[in-house]
Amino acid sequence: MSRGPDAGVLLERALLRHAIQQGIDLTIVSAGWTRWASATFAGARHELLLAAAPSRAIDAWIADLPDAEFALRGHLVADLTVESHTRIGDRVEMGIGVLTVEER
């Protein structure tokens, strides 16, 4: 029996929805995650490379991203950081790191 999409898939979908709401055509260039646990929590560390066309909207979206709220079924976004932000020709690339924690 399938339990549904994992935290990585849910996070990717949430990021795409959030970007679309801001009028941004976002592309996920690469994404990966590793399991993470502490004495009291379990979850995953996610690394994503995102790309979009340069615009004021993408600049604002990137600036606001660490404070954005994301609804992930069964998971919480505990931390989100923009680790890199570069312009390459007609494209903006950003690397983000996200820590998700499983809800109990």
PDB file of N, CA and C in Angstrom:
ATOM      1  N   MET A   1       0.846  -1.176   0.000  1.00  0.00           N
ATOM      2  CA  MET A   1       0.000   0.000   0.000  1.00  0.00           C
ATOM      3  C   MET A   1       0.892   1.239   0.000  1.00  0.00           C
ATOM      4  N   SER A   2       0.599   2.180  -0.847  1.00  0.00           N
ATOM      5  CA  SER A   2       1.371   3.413  -0.950  1.00  0.00           C
ATOM      6  C   SER A   2       0.963   4.396   0.146  1.00  0.00           C
ATOM      7  N   ARG A   3       1.955   5.065   0.714  1.00  0.00           N
ATOM      8  CA  ARG A   3       1.693   6.063   1.748  1.00  0.00           C
ATOM      9  C   ARG A   3       1.593   7.458   1.146  1.00  0.00           C
ATOM     10  N   GLY A   4       1.730   7.576  -0.144  1.00  0.00           N
ATOM     11  CA  GLY A   4       1.657   8.876  -0.788  1.00  0.00           C
ATOM     12  C   GLY A   4       3.048   9.443  -1.020  1.00  0.00           C
ATOM     13  N   PRO A   5       3.097  10.649  -1.554  1.00  0.00           N
ATOM     14  CA  PRO A   5       4.385  11.248  -1.891  1.00  0.00           C
ATOM     15  C   PRO A   5       5.228  11.520  -0.644  1.00  0.00           C
ATOM     16  N   ASP A   6       6.551  11.425  -0.805  1.00  0.00           N
ATOM     17  CA  ASP A   6       7.453  11.701   0.308  1.00  0.00           C
ATOM     18  C   ASP A   6       7.628  13.202   0.496  1.00  0.00           C
ATOM     19  N   ALA A   7       8.353  13.587   1.530  1.00  0.00           N
ATOM     20  CA  ALA A   7       8.546  15.005   1.855  1.00  0.00           C
ATOM     21  C   ALA A   7       9.201  15.764   0.709  1.00  0.00           C
ATOM     22  N   GLY A   8      10.104  15.132  -0.021  1.00  0.00           N
ATOM     23  CA  GLY A   8      10.769  15.797  -1.145  1.00  0.00           C
ATOM     24  C   GLY A   8       9.791  16.183  -2.234  1.00  0.00           C
ATOM     25  N   VAL A   9       8.926  15.279  -2.601  1.00  0.00           N
ATOM     26  CA  VAL A   9       7.919  15.551  -3.636  1.00  0.00           C
ATOM     27  C   VAL A   9       6.941  16.616  -3.146  1.00  0.00           C
ATOM     28  N   LEU A  10       6.501  16.503  -1.897  1.00  0.00           N
ATOM     29  CA  LEU A  10       5.578  17.494  -1.347  1.00  0.00           C
ATOM     30  C   LEU A  10       6.212  18.886  -1.328  1.00  0.00           C
ATOM     31  N   LEU A  11       7.487  18.958  -0.969  1.00  0.00           N
ATOM     32  CA  LEU A  11       8.190  20.240  -0.943  1.00  0.00           C
ATOM     33  C   LEU A  11       8.311  20.826  -2.345  1.00  0.00           C
ATOM     34  N   GLU A  12       8.681  20.020  -3.318  1.00  0.00           N
ATOM     35  CA  GLU A  12       8.793  20.499  -4.699  1.00  0.00           C
ATOM     36  C   GLU A  12       7.452  21.054  -5.192  1.00  0.00           C
ATOM     37  N   ARG A  13       6.388  20.327  -4.938  1.00  0.00           N
ATOM     38  CA  ARG A  13       5.056  20.780  -5.359  1.00  0.00           C
ATOM     39  C   ARG A  13       4.684  22.097  -4.685  1.00  0.00           C
ATOM     40  N   ALA A  14       4.991  22.210  -3.391  1.00  0.00           N
ATOM     41  CA  ALA A  14       4.661  23.425  -2.647  1.00  0.00           C
ATOM     42  C   ALA A  14       5.457  24.620  -3.169  1.00  0.00           C
ATOM     43  N   LEU A  15       6.727  24.424  -3.473  1.00  0.00           N
ATOM     44  CA  LEU A  15       7.545  25.515  -4.023  1.00  0.00           C
ATOM     45  C   LEU A  15       7.004  25.971  -5.376  1.00  0.00           C
ATOM     46  N   LEU A  16       6.648  25.029  -6.229  1.00  0.00           N
ATOM     47  CA  LEU A  16       6.098  25.381  -7.544  1.00  0.00           C
ATOM     48  C   LEU A  16       4.778  26.136  -7.408  1.00  0.00           C
ATOM     49  N   ARG A  17       3.892  25.680  -6.518  1.00  0.00           N
ATOM     50  CA  ARG A  17       2.612  26.362  -6.292  1.00  0.00           C
ATOM     51  C   ARG A  17       2.845  27.784  -5.777  1.00  0.00           C
ATOM     52  N   HIS A  18       3.756  27.907  -4.832  1.00  0.00           N
ATOM     53  CA  HIS A  18       4.062  29.209  -4.240  1.00  0.00           C
ATOM     54  C   HIS A  18       4.589  30.170  -5.305  1.00  0.00           C
ATOM     55  N   ALA A  19       5.468  29.694  -6.172  1.00  0.00           N
ATOM     56  CA  ALA A  19       6.010  30.533  -7.246  1.00  0.00           C
ATOM     57  C   ALA A  19       4.914  30.940  -8.228  1.00  0.00           C
ATOM     58  N   ILE A  20       4.066  29.999  -8.619  1.00  0.00           N
ATOM     59  CA  ILE A  20       2.976  30.301  -9.550  1.00  0.00           C
ATOM     60  C   ILE A  20       2.065  31.378  -8.973  1.00  0.00           C
ATOM     61  N   GLN A  21       1.798  31.315  -7.675  1.00  0.00           N
ATOM     62  CA  GLN A  21       0.949  32.330  -7.032  1.00  0.00           C
ATOM     63  C   GLN A  21       1.563  33.723  -7.142  1.00  0.00           C
ATOM     64  N   GLN A  22       2.875  33.802  -7.293  1.00  0.00           N
ATOM     65  CA  GLN A  22       3.568  35.081  -7.421  1.00  0.00           C
ATOM     66  C   GLN A  22       3.835  35.436  -8.885  1.00  0.00           C
ATOM     67  N   GLY A  23       3.311  34.629  -9.811  1.00  0.00           N
ATOM     68  CA  GLY A  23       3.480  34.894 -11.231  1.00  0.00           C
ATOM     69  C   GLY A  23       4.847  34.489 -11.769  1.00  0.00           C
ATOM     70  N   ILE A  24       5.478  33.528 -11.132  1.00  0.00           N
ATOM     71  CA  ILE A  24       6.827  33.096 -11.504  1.00  0.00           C
ATOM     72  C   ILE A  24       6.769  31.708 -12.127  1.00  0.00           C
ATOM     73  N   ASP A  25       7.416  31.570 -13.277  1.00  0.00           N
ATOM     74  CA  ASP A  25       7.556  30.274 -13.939  1.00  0.00           C
ATOM     75  C   ASP A  25       8.859  29.658 -13.436  1.00  0.00           C
ATOM     76  N   LEU A  26       8.756  28.845 -12.412  1.00  0.00           N
ATOM     77  CA  LEU A  26       9.909  28.262 -11.732  1.00  0.00           C
ATOM     78  C   LEU A  26      10.205  26.877 -12.280  1.00  0.00           C
ATOM     79  N   THR A  27      11.483  26.570 -12.415  1.00  0.00           N
ATOM     80  CA  THR A  27      11.921  25.240 -12.828  1.00  0.00           C
ATOM     81  C   THR A  27      12.769  24.641 -11.714  1.00  0.00           C
ATOM     82  N   ILE A  28      12.515  23.396 -11.381  1.00  0.00           N
ATOM     83  CA  ILE A  28      13.373  22.682 -10.443  1.00  0.00           C
ATOM     84  C   ILE A  28      14.423  21.967 -11.279  1.00  0.00           C
ATOM     85  N   VAL A  29      15.654  22.457 -11.199  1.00  0.00           N
ATOM     86  CA  VAL A  29      16.755  21.910 -11.985  1.00  0.00           C
ATOM     87  C   VAL A  29      17.233  20.593 -11.378  1.00  0.00           C
ATOM     88  N   SER A  30      17.385  20.572 -10.071  1.00  0.00           N
ATOM     89  CA  SER A  30      17.773  19.342  -9.383  1.00  0.00           C
ATOM     90  C   SER A  30      17.252  19.391  -7.957  1.00  0.00           C
ATOM     91  N   ALA A  31      17.035  18.222  -7.397  1.00  0.00           N
ATOM     92  CA  ALA A  31      16.536  18.124  -6.026  1.00  0.00           C
ATOM     93  C   ALA A  31      16.975  16.794  -5.430  1.00  0.00           C
ATOM     94  N   GLY A  32      17.322  16.845  -4.177  1.00  0.00           N
ATOM     95  CA  GLY A  32      17.684  15.629  -3.467  1.00  0.00           C
ATOM     96  C   GLY A  32      17.495  15.837  -1.977  1.00  0.00           C
ATOM     97  N   TRP A  33      17.428  14.745  -1.251  1.00  0.00           N
ATOM     98  CA  TRP A  33      17.278  14.854   0.191  1.00  0.00           C
ATOM     99  C   TRP A  33      17.913  13.658   0.878  1.00  0.00           C
ATOM    100  N   THR A  34      18.249  13.868   2.141  1.00  0.00           N
ATOM    101  CA  THR A  34      18.783  12.799   2.982  1.00  0.00           C
ATOM    102  C   THR A  34      18.009  12.785   4.292  1.00  0.00           C
ATOM    103  N   ARG A  35      17.856  11.599   4.853  1.00  0.00           N
ATOM    104  CA  ARG A  35      17.162  11.465   6.139  1.00  0.00           C
ATOM    105  C   ARG A  35      17.945  12.202   7.207  1.00  0.00           C
ATOM    106  N   TRP A  36      17.235  12.729   8.190  1.00  0.00           N
ATOM    107  CA  TRP A  36      17.837  13.466   9.288  1.00  0.00           C
ATOM    108  C   TRP A  36      17.074  13.119  10.550  1.00  0.00           C
ATOM    109  N   ALA A  37      17.776  13.055  11.678  1.00  0.00           N
ATOM    110  CA  ALA A  37      17.099  12.802  12.952  1.00  0.00           C
ATOM    111  C   ALA A  37      17.907  13.411  14.090  1.00  0.00           C
ATOM    112  N   SER A  38      17.184  13.851  15.104  1.00  0.00           N
ATOM    113  CA  SER A  38      17.794  14.296  16.351  1.00  0.00           C
ATOM    114  C   SER A  38      17.228  13.399  17.447  1.00  0.00           C
ATOM    115  N   ALA A  39      17.504  13.728  18.683  1.00  0.00           N
ATOM    116  CA  ALA A  39      16.982  12.912  19.789  1.00  0.00           C
ATOM    117  C   ALA A  39      15.458  12.964  19.855  1.00  0.00           C
ATOM    118  N   THR A  40      14.859  14.048  19.357  1.00  0.00           N
ATOM    119  CA  THR A  40      13.410  14.207  19.482  1.00  0.00           C
ATOM    120  C   THR A  40      12.647  14.315  18.163  1.00  0.00           C
ATOM    121  N   PHE A  41      13.352  14.537  17.053  1.00  0.00           N
ATOM    122  CA  PHE A  41      12.673  14.735  15.779  1.00  0.00           C
ATOM    123  C   PHE A  41      13.281  13.863  14.682  1.00  0.00           C
ATOM    124  N   ALA A  42      12.466  13.584  13.664  1.00  0.00           N
ATOM    125  CA  ALA A  42      12.939  12.897  12.463  1.00  0.00           C
ATOM    126  C   ALA A  42      12.457  13.698  11.262  1.00  0.00           C
ATOM    127  N   GLY A  43      13.243  13.685  10.211  1.00  0.00           N
ATOM    128  CA  GLY A  43      12.851  14.428   9.025  1.00  0.00           C
ATOM    129  C   GLY A  43      13.863  14.252   7.920  1.00  0.00           C
ATOM    130  N   ALA A  44      14.074  15.316   7.146  1.00  0.00           N
ATOM    131  CA  ALA A  44      14.990  15.238   6.007  1.00  0.00           C
ATOM    132  C   ALA A  44      15.615  16.604   5.742  1.00  0.00           C
ATOM    133  N   ARG A  45      16.836  16.559   5.195  1.00  0.00           N
ATOM    134  CA  ARG A  45      17.518  17.761   4.705  1.00  0.00           C
ATOM    135  C   ARG A  45      17.419  17.728   3.182  1.00  0.00           C
ATOM    136  N   HIS A  46      16.918  18.805   2.620  1.00  0.00           N
ATOM    137  CA  HIS A  46      16.694  18.898   1.186  1.00  0.00           C
ATOM    138  C   HIS A  46      17.630  19.937   0.580  1.00  0.00           C
ATOM    139  N   GLU A  47      18.166  19.625  -0.590  1.00  0.00           N
ATOM    140  CA  GLU A  47      18.975  20.563  -1.362  1.00  0.00           C
ATOM    141  C   GLU A  47      18.329  20.665  -2.738  1.00  0.00           C
ATOM    142  N   LEU A  48      17.977  21.883  -3.147  1.00  0.00           N
ATOM    143  CA  LEU A  48      17.336  22.086  -4.440  1.00  0.00           C
ATOM    144  C   LEU A  48      18.036  23.190  -5.212  1.00  0.00           C
ATOM    145  N   LEU A  49      18.103  23.016  -6.516  1.00  0.00           N
ATOM    146  CA  LEU A  49      18.568  24.054  -7.418  1.00  0.00           C
ATOM    147  C   LEU A  49      17.365  24.461  -8.259  1.00  0.00           C
ATOM    148  N   LEU A  50      16.994  25.748  -8.181  1.00  0.00           N
ATOM    149  CA  LEU A  50      15.826  26.270  -8.864  1.00  0.00           C
ATOM    150  C   LEU A  50      16.268  27.290  -9.899  1.00  0.00           C
ATOM    151  N   ALA A  51      15.457  27.503 -10.916  1.00  0.00           N
ATOM    152  CA  ALA A  51      15.779  28.487 -11.953  1.00  0.00           C
ATOM    153  C   ALA A  51      14.503  29.180 -12.422  1.00  0.00           C
ATOM    154  N   ALA A  52      14.680  30.443 -12.833  1.00  0.00           N
ATOM    155  CA  ALA A  52      13.574  31.238 -13.377  1.00  0.00           C
ATOM    156  C   ALA A  52      14.169  32.371 -14.195  1.00  0.00           C
ATOM    157  N   ALA A  53      13.319  33.020 -14.967  1.00  0.00           N
ATOM    158  CA  ALA A  53      13.745  34.191 -15.733  1.00  0.00           C
ATOM    159  C   ALA A  53      13.945  35.362 -14.774  1.00  0.00           C
ATOM    160  N   PRO A  54      14.930  36.217 -15.033  1.00  0.00           N
ATOM    161  CA  PRO A  54      15.137  37.391 -14.171  1.00  0.00           C
ATOM    162  C   PRO A  54      13.913  38.314 -14.209  1.00  0.00           C
ATOM    163  N   SER A  55      13.525  38.795 -13.039  1.00  0.00           N
ATOM    164  CA  SER A  55      12.408  39.736 -12.946  1.00  0.00           C
ATOM    165  C   SER A  55      12.379  40.302 -11.529  1.00  0.00           C
ATOM    166  N   ARG A  56      11.610  41.363 -11.366  1.00  0.00           N
ATOM    167  CA  ARG A  56      11.406  41.893 -10.011  1.00  0.00           C
ATOM    168  C   ARG A  56      10.674  40.875  -9.154  1.00  0.00           C
ATOM    169  N   ALA A  57       9.755  40.143  -9.773  1.00  0.00           N
ATOM    170  CA  ALA A  57       8.974  39.150  -9.033  1.00  0.00           C
ATOM    171  C   ALA A  57       9.867  38.056  -8.470  1.00  0.00           C
ATOM    172  N   ILE A  58      10.828  37.560  -9.248  1.00  0.00           N
ATOM    173  CA  ILE A  58      11.703  36.490  -8.738  1.00  0.00           C
ATOM    174  C   ILE A  58      12.622  37.034  -7.655  1.00  0.00           C
ATOM    175  N   ASP A  59      13.089  38.273  -7.800  1.00  0.00           N
ATOM    176  CA  ASP A  59      13.932  38.879  -6.763  1.00  0.00           C
ATOM    177  C   ASP A  59      13.170  38.986  -5.446  1.00  0.00           C
ATOM    178  N   ALA A  60      11.917  39.421  -5.502  1.00  0.00           N
ATOM    179  CA  ALA A  60      11.093  39.529  -4.300  1.00  0.00           C
ATOM    180  C   ALA A  60      10.789  38.151  -3.725  1.00  0.00           C
ATOM    181  N   TRP A  61      10.515  37.184  -4.600  1.00  0.00           N
ATOM    182  CA  TRP A  61      10.203  35.825  -4.158  1.00  0.00           C
ATOM    183  C   TRP A  61      11.392  35.222  -3.407  1.00  0.00           C
ATOM    184  N   ILE A  62      12.577  35.395  -3.956  1.00  0.00           N
ATOM    185  CA  ILE A  62      13.786  34.862  -3.314  1.00  0.00           C
ATOM    186  C   ILE A  62      13.995  35.526  -1.952  1.00  0.00           C
ATOM    187  N   ALA A  63      13.818  36.843  -1.894  1.00  0.00           N
ATOM    188  CA  ALA A  63      14.010  37.559  -0.631  1.00  0.00           C
ATOM    189  C   ALA A  63      13.023  37.103   0.444  1.00  0.00           C
ATOM    190  N   ASP A  64      11.790  36.799   0.036  1.00  0.00           N
ATOM    191  CA  ASP A  64      10.748  36.404   0.987  1.00  0.00           C
ATOM    192  C   ASP A  64      10.713  34.907   1.283  1.00  0.00           C
ATOM    193  N   LEU A  65      11.408  34.114   0.506  1.00  0.00           N
ATOM    194  CA  LEU A  65      11.318  32.655   0.605  1.00  0.00           C
ATOM    195  C   LEU A  65      11.637  32.094   1.997  1.00  0.00           C
ATOM    196  N   PRO A  66      12.680  32.555   2.686  1.00  0.00           N
ATOM    197  CA  PRO A  66      12.964  31.976   4.012  1.00  0.00           C
ATOM    198  C   PRO A  66      11.835  32.144   5.024  1.00  0.00           C
ATOM    199  N   ASP A  67      10.968  33.136   4.844  1.00  0.00           N
ATOM    200  CA  ASP A  67       9.863  33.371   5.772  1.00  0.00           C
ATOM    201  C   ASP A  67       8.531  32.815   5.280  1.00  0.00           C
ATOM    202  N   ALA A  68       8.526  32.206   4.109  1.00  0.00           N
ATOM    203  CA  ALA A  68       7.284  31.680   3.531  1.00  0.00           C
ATOM    204  C   ALA A  68       6.794  30.463   4.316  1.00  0.00           C
ATOM    205  N   GLU A  69       5.499  30.284   4.308  1.00  0.00           N
ATOM    206  CA  GLU A  69       4.860  29.128   4.954  1.00  0.00           C
ATOM    207  C   GLU A  69       4.490  28.105   3.885  1.00  0.00           C
ATOM    208  N   PHE A  70       4.792  26.839   4.145  1.00  0.00           N
ATOM    209  CA  PHE A  70       4.470  25.775   3.205  1.00  0.00           C
ATOM    210  C   PHE A  70       3.697  24.690   3.930  1.00  0.00           C
ATOM    211  N   ALA A  71       2.601  24.262   3.329  1.00  0.00           N
ATOM    212  CA  ALA A  71       1.790  23.181   3.883  1.00  0.00           C
ATOM    213  C   ALA A  71       2.227  21.869   3.231  1.00  0.00           C
ATOM    214  N   LEU A  72       2.839  21.012   4.012  1.00  0.00           N
ATOM    215  CA  LEU A  72       3.266  19.697   3.531  1.00  0.00           C
ATOM    216  C   LEU A  72       2.576  18.645   4.395  1.00  0.00           C
ATOM    217  N   ARG A  73       1.743  17.842   3.807  1.00  0.00           N
ATOM    218  CA  ARG A  73       1.009  16.828   4.563  1.00  0.00           C
ATOM    219  C   ARG A  73       1.972  15.928   5.335  1.00  0.00           C
ATOM    220  N   GLY A  74       1.850  15.954   6.665  1.00  0.00           N
ATOM    221  CA  GLY A  74       2.655  15.090   7.522  1.00  0.00           C
ATOM    222  C   GLY A  74       4.048  15.616   7.838  1.00  0.00           C
ATOM    223  N   HIS A  75       4.363  16.813   7.363  1.00  0.00           N
ATOM    224  CA  HIS A  75       5.701  17.379   7.569  1.00  0.00           C
ATOM    225  C   HIS A  75       5.604  18.877   7.827  1.00  0.00           C
ATOM    226  N   LEU A  76       6.582  19.409   8.525  1.00  0.00           N
ATOM    227  CA  LEU A  76       6.712  20.844   8.747  1.00  0.00           C
ATOM    228  C   LEU A  76       8.019  21.314   8.138  1.00  0.00           C
ATOM    229  N   VAL A  77       8.014  22.497   7.563  1.00  0.00           N
ATOM    230  CA  VAL A  77       9.263  23.108   7.109  1.00  0.00           C
ATOM    231  C   VAL A  77       9.835  23.826   8.323  1.00  0.00           C
ATOM    232  N   ALA A  78      10.910  23.270   8.885  1.00  0.00           N
ATOM    233  CA  ALA A  78      11.513  23.828  10.088  1.00  0.00           C
ATOM    234  C   ALA A  78      12.493  24.946   9.768  1.00  0.00           C
ATOM    235  N   ASP A  79      13.150  24.872   8.605  1.00  0.00           N
ATOM    236  CA  ASP A  79      14.139  25.884   8.228  1.00  0.00           C
ATOM    237  C   ASP A  79      14.285  25.877   6.711  1.00  0.00           C
ATOM    238  N   LEU A  80      14.421  27.066   6.147  1.00  0.00           N
ATOM    239  CA  LEU A  80      14.663  27.210   4.723  1.00  0.00           C
ATOM    240  C   LEU A  80      15.669  28.334   4.540  1.00  0.00           C
ATOM    241  N   THR A  81      16.755  28.047   3.829  1.00  0.00           N
ATOM    242  CA  THR A  81      17.771  29.058   3.565  1.00  0.00           C
ATOM    243  C   THR A  81      18.060  29.125   2.072  1.00  0.00           C
ATOM    244  N   VAL A  82      18.281  30.340   1.588  1.00  0.00           N
ATOM    245  CA  VAL A  82      18.735  30.537   0.216  1.00  0.00           C
ATOM    246  C   VAL A  82      20.257  30.510   0.294  1.00  0.00           C
ATOM    247  N   GLU A  83      20.859  29.465  -0.244  1.00  0.00           N
ATOM    248  CA  GLU A  83      22.301  29.261  -0.121  1.00  0.00           C
ATOM    249  C   GLU A  83      23.087  29.905  -1.253  1.00  0.00           C
ATOM    250  N   SER A  84      22.448  30.077  -2.404  1.00  0.00           N
ATOM    251  CA  SER A  84      23.110  30.751  -3.519  1.00  0.00           C
ATOM    252  C   SER A  84      22.050  31.418  -4.383  1.00  0.00           C
ATOM    253  N   HIS A  85      22.472  32.469  -5.071  1.00  0.00           N
ATOM    254  CA  HIS A  85      21.560  33.232  -5.922  1.00  0.00           C
ATOM    255  C   HIS A  85      22.429  33.892  -6.983  1.00  0.00           C
ATOM    256  N   THR A  86      22.383  33.372  -8.193  1.00  0.00           N
ATOM    257  CA  THR A  86      23.236  33.893  -9.259  1.00  0.00           C
ATOM    258  C   THR A  86      22.423  34.134 -10.527  1.00  0.00           C
ATOM    259  N   ARG A  87      22.870  35.109 -11.299  1.00  0.00           N
ATOM    260  CA  ARG A  87      22.275  35.373 -12.610  1.00  0.00           C
ATOM    261  C   ARG A  87      23.235  34.861 -13.663  1.00  0.00           C
ATOM    262  N   ILE A  88      22.715  34.020 -14.524  1.00  0.00           N
ATOM    263  CA  ILE A  88      23.499  33.451 -15.613  1.00  0.00           C
ATOM    264  C   ILE A  88      22.748  33.763 -16.904  1.00  0.00           C
ATOM    265  N   GLY A  89      23.183  34.810 -17.594  1.00  0.00           N
ATOM    266  CA  GLY A  89      22.507  35.210 -18.830  1.00  0.00           C
ATOM    267  C   GLY A  89      21.069  35.579 -18.581  1.00  0.00           C
ATOM    268  N   ASP A  90      20.154  34.872 -19.231  1.00  0.00           N
ATOM    269  CA  ASP A  90      18.729  35.165 -19.100  1.00  0.00           C
ATOM    270  C   ASP A  90      18.050  34.259 -18.070  1.00  0.00           C
ATOM    271  N   ARG A  91      18.812  33.848 -17.059  1.00  0.00           N
ATOM    272  CA  ARG A  91      18.291  32.912 -16.069  1.00  0.00           C
ATOM    273  C   ARG A  91      18.837  33.248 -14.676  1.00  0.00           C
ATOM    274  N   VAL A  92      17.988  33.142 -13.690  1.00  0.00           N
ATOM    275  CA  VAL A  92      18.385  33.272 -12.294  1.00  0.00           C
ATOM    276  C   VAL A  92      18.375  31.869 -11.709  1.00  0.00           C
ATOM    277  N   GLU A  93      19.468  31.485 -11.074  1.00  0.00           N
ATOM    278  CA  GLU A  93      19.527  30.188 -10.398  1.00  0.00           C
ATOM    279  C   GLU A  93      19.684  30.425  -8.911  1.00  0.00           C
ATOM    280  N   MET A  94      18.978  29.634  -8.131  1.00  0.00           N
ATOM    281  CA  MET A  94      19.112  29.723  -6.692  1.00  0.00           C
ATOM    282  C   MET A  94      19.198  28.340  -6.091  1.00  0.00           C
ATOM    283  N   GLY A  95      20.118  28.189  -5.166  1.00  0.00           N
ATOM    284  CA  GLY A  95      20.235  26.950  -4.415  1.00  0.00           C
ATOM    285  C   GLY A  95      19.590  27.166  -3.060  1.00  0.00           C
ATOM    286  N   ILE A  96      18.730  26.261  -2.667  1.00  0.00           N
ATOM    287  CA  ILE A  96      18.100  26.387  -1.351  1.00  0.00           C
ATOM    288  C   ILE A  96      18.307  25.112  -0.553  1.00  0.00           C
ATOM    289  N   GLY A  97      18.367  25.284   0.747  1.00  0.00           N
ATOM    290  CA  GLY A  97      18.436  24.178   1.685  1.00  0.00           C
ATOM    291  C   GLY A  97      17.216  24.225   2.576  1.00  0.00           C
ATOM    292  N   VAL A  98      16.601  23.086   2.796  1.00  0.00           N
ATOM    293  CA  VAL A  98      15.371  23.033   3.583  1.00  0.00           C
ATOM    294  C   VAL A  98      15.459  21.865   4.558  1.00  0.00           C
ATOM    295  N   LEU A  99      15.056  22.122   5.788  1.00  0.00           N
ATOM    296  CA  LEU A  99      14.933  21.060   6.786  1.00  0.00           C
ATOM    297  C   LEU A  99      13.463  20.821   7.029  1.00  0.00           C
ATOM    298  N   THR A 100      13.003  19.599   6.771  1.00  0.00           N
ATOM    299  CA  THR A 100      11.616  19.235   7.081  1.00  0.00           C
ATOM    300  C   THR A 100      11.621  18.272   8.257  1.00  0.00           C
ATOM    301  N   VAL A 101      10.565  18.370   9.054  1.00  0.00           N
ATOM    302  CA  VAL A 101      10.409  17.520  10.232  1.00  0.00           C
ATOM    303  C   VAL A 101       9.074  16.811  10.115  1.00  0.00           C
ATOM    304  N   GLU A 102       9.083  15.526  10.421  1.00  0.00           N
ATOM    305  CA  GLU A 102       7.841  14.743  10.380  1.00  0.00           C
ATOM    306  C   GLU A 102       6.948  15.137  11.535  1.00  0.00           C
ATOM    307  N   GLU A 103       5.656  15.354  11.248  1.00  0.00           N
ATOM    308  CA  GLU A 103       4.679  15.623  12.291  1.00  0.00           C
ATOM    309  C   GLU A 103       4.326  14.320  12.985  1.00  0.00           C
ATOM    310  N   ARG A 104       4.086  14.390  14.261  1.00  0.00           N
ATOM    311  CA  ARG A 104       3.710  13.185  15.010  1.00  0.00           C
ATOM    312  C   ARG A 104       2.403  13.393  15.701  1.00  0.00           C
TER     313      ARG A 104
END
